[in-house]
Amino acid sequence: MKSTGMVRPVDGLGRIVLPIELRRVLDIDKDSALEVYVDKDSIVLKKYQPACIFCGSAEDIEQYQGRNICRACREAIGNLK
């Protein structure tokens, strides 16, 4: 992991502000969704990308009954008949 040298306080509601420099570099807009991970004693934020529930691919994703599924898995399921 690379240190940025930036330190931000946590406010009374548990929020932090991501510096504009990081948001620009990582293409994080005001409505972007971030996933939160815990790795031992670290908190990791990652820009959310929907992925297929079967294979984990993030390409050609569509929603089916509230779940994300990619085209390849959708076609493979269709061929099971």
N, C-alpha and C. Protein backbone atom coordinates (compact mmCIF):
# COMPACT_ATOMS: atom_id res chain seq x y z
N MET A 1 0.84 -1.17 0.00
CA MET A 1 0.00 0.00 0.00
C MET A 1 0.89 1.24 0.00
N LYS A 2 0.48 2.25 -0.75
CA LYS A 2 1.27 3.47 -0.88
C LYS A 2 0.68 4.57 -0.01
N SER A 3 1.51 5.23 0.78
CA SER A 3 1.07 6.32 1.63
C SER A 3 0.99 7.62 0.81
N THR A 4 -0.08 8.37 1.06
CA THR A 4 -0.22 9.67 0.39
C THR A 4 0.31 10.80 1.25
N GLY A 5 0.47 10.55 2.54
CA GLY A 5 0.90 11.59 3.45
C GLY A 5 -0.22 12.51 3.89
N MET A 6 -1.44 12.24 3.40
CA MET A 6 -2.60 13.06 3.76
C MET A 6 -3.27 12.49 5.00
N VAL A 7 -3.62 13.36 5.92
CA VAL A 7 -4.31 12.97 7.15
C VAL A 7 -5.58 13.79 7.25
N ARG A 8 -6.69 13.11 7.51
CA ARG A 8 -7.97 13.79 7.63
C ARG A 8 -8.64 13.38 8.94
N PRO A 9 -9.30 14.32 9.63
CA PRO A 9 -9.99 13.97 10.88
C PRO A 9 -11.33 13.30 10.60
N VAL A 10 -11.78 12.50 11.55
CA VAL A 10 -13.11 11.91 11.51
C VAL A 10 -14.03 12.85 12.28
N ASP A 11 -15.19 13.23 11.69
CA ASP A 11 -16.08 14.16 12.38
C ASP A 11 -16.98 13.41 13.37
N GLY A 12 -17.86 14.13 14.03
CA GLY A 12 -18.73 13.56 15.06
C GLY A 12 -19.68 12.48 14.55
N LEU A 13 -19.93 12.45 13.25
CA LEU A 13 -20.81 11.44 12.67
C LEU A 13 -20.01 10.29 12.03
N GLY A 14 -18.69 10.30 12.21
CA GLY A 14 -17.85 9.23 11.68
C GLY A 14 -17.45 9.41 10.23
N ARG A 15 -17.59 10.62 9.70
CA ARG A 15 -17.28 10.87 8.29
C ARG A 15 -15.88 11.43 8.13
N ILE A 16 -15.32 11.18 6.94
CA ILE A 16 -14.06 11.82 6.54
C ILE A 16 -14.28 12.43 5.17
N VAL A 17 -13.46 13.39 4.81
CA VAL A 17 -13.51 14.00 3.50
C VAL A 17 -12.34 13.47 2.69
N LEU A 18 -12.64 12.95 1.50
CA LEU A 18 -11.58 12.50 0.60
C LEU A 18 -11.04 13.71 -0.14
N PRO A 19 -9.73 13.92 -0.11
CA PRO A 19 -9.15 15.09 -0.78
C PRO A 19 -9.50 15.12 -2.27
N ILE A 20 -9.73 16.31 -2.79
CA ILE A 20 -10.10 16.49 -4.19
C ILE A 20 -9.06 15.88 -5.13
N GLU A 21 -7.79 15.95 -4.75
CA GLU A 21 -6.73 15.39 -5.60
C GLU A 21 -6.95 13.90 -5.82
N LEU A 22 -7.29 13.18 -4.74
CA LEU A 22 -7.54 11.73 -4.86
C LEU A 22 -8.81 11.46 -5.66
N ARG A 23 -9.84 12.25 -5.42
CA ARG A 23 -11.10 12.04 -6.16
C ARG A 23 -10.90 12.27 -7.64
N ARG A 24 -10.09 13.25 -8.00
CA ARG A 24 -9.83 13.50 -9.43
C ARG A 24 -9.04 12.37 -10.05
N VAL A 25 -7.98 11.95 -9.38
CA VAL A 25 -7.12 10.88 -9.91
C VAL A 25 -7.89 9.57 -10.05
N LEU A 26 -8.75 9.26 -9.08
CA LEU A 26 -9.48 7.99 -9.08
C LEU A 26 -10.86 8.10 -9.73
N ASP A 27 -11.18 9.26 -10.31
CA ASP A 27 -12.46 9.48 -10.98
C ASP A 27 -13.64 9.16 -10.07
N ILE A 28 -13.61 9.73 -8.86
CA ILE A 28 -14.69 9.56 -7.89
C ILE A 28 -15.50 10.85 -7.87
N ASP A 29 -16.74 10.75 -8.36
CA ASP A 29 -17.64 11.90 -8.39
C ASP A 29 -18.46 11.94 -7.11
N LYS A 30 -19.29 12.99 -6.96
CA LYS A 30 -20.07 13.13 -5.74
C LYS A 30 -21.09 12.02 -5.57
N ASP A 31 -21.53 11.38 -6.63
CA ASP A 31 -22.51 10.31 -6.53
C ASP A 31 -21.89 8.91 -6.67
N SER A 32 -20.56 8.84 -6.71
CA SER A 32 -19.90 7.53 -6.84
C SER A 32 -20.13 6.68 -5.58
N ALA A 33 -20.22 5.39 -5.77
CA ALA A 33 -20.35 4.47 -4.65
C ALA A 33 -18.98 3.86 -4.34
N LEU A 34 -18.69 3.72 -3.06
CA LEU A 34 -17.43 3.11 -2.63
C LEU A 34 -17.74 1.87 -1.80
N GLU A 35 -16.96 0.82 -1.99
CA GLU A 35 -17.07 -0.38 -1.15
C GLU A 35 -16.08 -0.23 -0.01
N VAL A 36 -16.44 -0.74 1.16
CA VAL A 36 -15.59 -0.66 2.34
C VAL A 36 -15.13 -2.06 2.69
N TYR A 37 -13.83 -2.25 2.81
CA TYR A 37 -13.23 -3.52 3.18
C TYR A 37 -12.42 -3.33 4.45
N VAL A 38 -12.25 -4.40 5.19
CA VAL A 38 -11.37 -4.39 6.37
C VAL A 38 -10.28 -5.43 6.12
N ASP A 39 -9.03 -5.01 6.26
CA ASP A 39 -7.88 -5.90 6.09
C ASP A 39 -7.03 -5.77 7.34
N LYS A 40 -7.18 -6.75 8.24
CA LYS A 40 -6.54 -6.72 9.56
C LYS A 40 -6.94 -5.44 10.28
N ASP A 41 -6.02 -4.49 10.45
CA ASP A 41 -6.36 -3.26 11.17
C ASP A 41 -6.47 -2.06 10.23
N SER A 42 -6.70 -2.32 8.94
CA SER A 42 -6.82 -1.24 7.95
C SER A 42 -8.22 -1.21 7.35
N ILE A 43 -8.67 -0.02 7.00
CA ILE A 43 -9.91 0.17 6.27
C ILE A 43 -9.53 0.51 4.84
N VAL A 44 -10.10 -0.21 3.88
CA VAL A 44 -9.80 0.00 2.47
C VAL A 44 -11.07 0.44 1.76
N LEU A 45 -10.99 1.54 1.03
CA LEU A 45 -12.11 2.02 0.23
C LEU A 45 -11.80 1.71 -1.22
N LYS A 46 -12.79 1.17 -1.95
CA LYS A 46 -12.61 0.83 -3.35
C LYS A 46 -13.83 1.32 -4.12
N LYS A 47 -13.59 1.92 -5.28
CA LYS A 47 -14.69 2.37 -6.11
C LYS A 47 -15.53 1.16 -6.49
N TYR A 48 -16.83 1.26 -6.25
CA TYR A 48 -17.74 0.12 -6.48
C TYR A 48 -17.95 -0.12 -7.96
N GLN A 49 -17.79 -1.36 -8.37
CA GLN A 49 -18.11 -1.80 -9.72
C GLN A 49 -18.97 -3.04 -9.59
N PRO A 50 -20.19 -3.00 -10.14
CA PRO A 50 -21.03 -4.18 -10.04
C PRO A 50 -20.39 -5.36 -10.75
N ALA A 51 -20.54 -6.54 -10.20
CA ALA A 51 -19.92 -7.73 -10.78
C ALA A 51 -20.94 -8.87 -10.83
N CYS A 52 -20.70 -9.80 -11.72
CA CYS A 52 -21.55 -10.97 -11.90
C CYS A 52 -21.53 -11.83 -10.64
N ILE A 53 -22.70 -12.29 -10.20
CA ILE A 53 -22.78 -13.10 -8.98
C ILE A 53 -22.19 -14.49 -9.19
N PHE A 54 -22.04 -14.91 -10.45
CA PHE A 54 -21.51 -16.24 -10.72
C PHE A 54 -20.00 -16.26 -10.94
N CYS A 55 -19.51 -15.38 -11.82
CA CYS A 55 -18.09 -15.44 -12.19
C CYS A 55 -17.26 -14.26 -11.69
N GLY A 56 -17.92 -13.19 -11.23
CA GLY A 56 -17.20 -12.02 -10.72
C GLY A 56 -16.79 -11.02 -11.79
N SER A 57 -17.11 -11.28 -13.05
CA SER A 57 -16.77 -10.37 -14.13
C SER A 57 -17.53 -9.05 -13.97
N ALA A 58 -16.90 -7.94 -14.38
CA ALA A 58 -17.55 -6.64 -14.31
C ALA A 58 -17.90 -6.14 -15.71
N GLU A 59 -17.84 -7.00 -16.71
CA GLU A 59 -18.13 -6.61 -18.09
C GLU A 59 -19.50 -7.12 -18.53
N ASP A 60 -20.21 -6.32 -19.30
CA ASP A 60 -21.53 -6.67 -19.85
C ASP A 60 -22.51 -7.09 -18.75
N ILE A 61 -22.59 -6.31 -17.69
CA ILE A 61 -23.45 -6.63 -16.55
C ILE A 61 -24.87 -6.13 -16.79
N GLU A 62 -25.83 -6.97 -16.46
CA GLU A 62 -27.24 -6.59 -16.47
C GLU A 62 -27.87 -7.10 -15.19
N GLN A 63 -28.98 -6.49 -14.82
CA GLN A 63 -29.70 -6.93 -13.62
C GLN A 63 -30.76 -7.94 -14.02
N TYR A 64 -30.85 -9.02 -13.28
CA TYR A 64 -31.90 -10.02 -13.46
C TYR A 64 -32.45 -10.35 -12.08
N GLN A 65 -33.70 -10.03 -11.85
CA GLN A 65 -34.36 -10.24 -10.57
C GLN A 65 -33.53 -9.69 -9.40
N GLY A 66 -33.01 -8.47 -9.60
CA GLY A 66 -32.27 -7.78 -8.55
C GLY A 66 -30.83 -8.24 -8.36
N ARG A 67 -30.35 -9.09 -9.24
CA ARG A 67 -28.96 -9.60 -9.14
C ARG A 67 -28.18 -9.22 -10.40
N ASN A 68 -26.88 -9.03 -10.26
CA ASN A 68 -26.02 -8.73 -11.40
C ASN A 68 -25.54 -10.02 -12.05
N ILE A 69 -25.68 -10.09 -13.37
CA ILE A 69 -25.23 -11.26 -14.12
C ILE A 69 -24.62 -10.79 -15.44
N CYS A 70 -23.52 -11.39 -15.85
CA CYS A 70 -22.86 -10.99 -17.09
C CYS A 70 -23.47 -11.75 -18.27
N ARG A 71 -23.20 -11.25 -19.45
CA ARG A 71 -23.75 -11.85 -20.67
C ARG A 71 -23.29 -13.30 -20.82
N ALA A 72 -22.02 -13.58 -20.57
CA ALA A 72 -21.50 -14.94 -20.75
C ALA A 72 -22.22 -15.94 -19.83
N CYS A 73 -22.42 -15.59 -18.57
CA CYS A 73 -23.12 -16.49 -17.64
C CYS A 73 -24.59 -16.62 -18.01
N ARG A 74 -25.19 -15.52 -18.43
CA ARG A 74 -26.59 -15.56 -18.85
C ARG A 74 -26.77 -16.51 -20.02
N GLU A 75 -25.85 -16.44 -21.00
CA GLU A 75 -25.91 -17.34 -22.14
C GLU A 75 -25.63 -18.78 -21.75
N ALA A 76 -24.67 -19.00 -20.83
CA ALA A 76 -24.36 -20.35 -20.37
C ALA A 76 -25.56 -20.97 -19.67
N ILE A 77 -26.26 -20.19 -18.87
CA ILE A 77 -27.46 -20.70 -18.16
C ILE A 77 -28.55 -21.03 -19.17
N GLY A 78 -28.67 -20.17 -20.20
CA GLY A 78 -29.66 -20.42 -21.24
C GLY A 78 -29.39 -21.69 -22.03
N ASN A 79 -28.15 -22.12 -22.09
CA ASN A 79 -27.78 -23.33 -22.82
C ASN A 79 -27.90 -24.60 -21.99
N LEU A 80 -28.29 -24.50 -20.73
CA LEU A 80 -28.38 -25.67 -19.85
C LEU A 80 -29.61 -26.53 -20.15
N LYS A 81 -30.53 -26.01 -20.88
CA LYS A 81 -31.79 -26.73 -21.14
C LYS A 81 -31.59 -28.00 -21.89
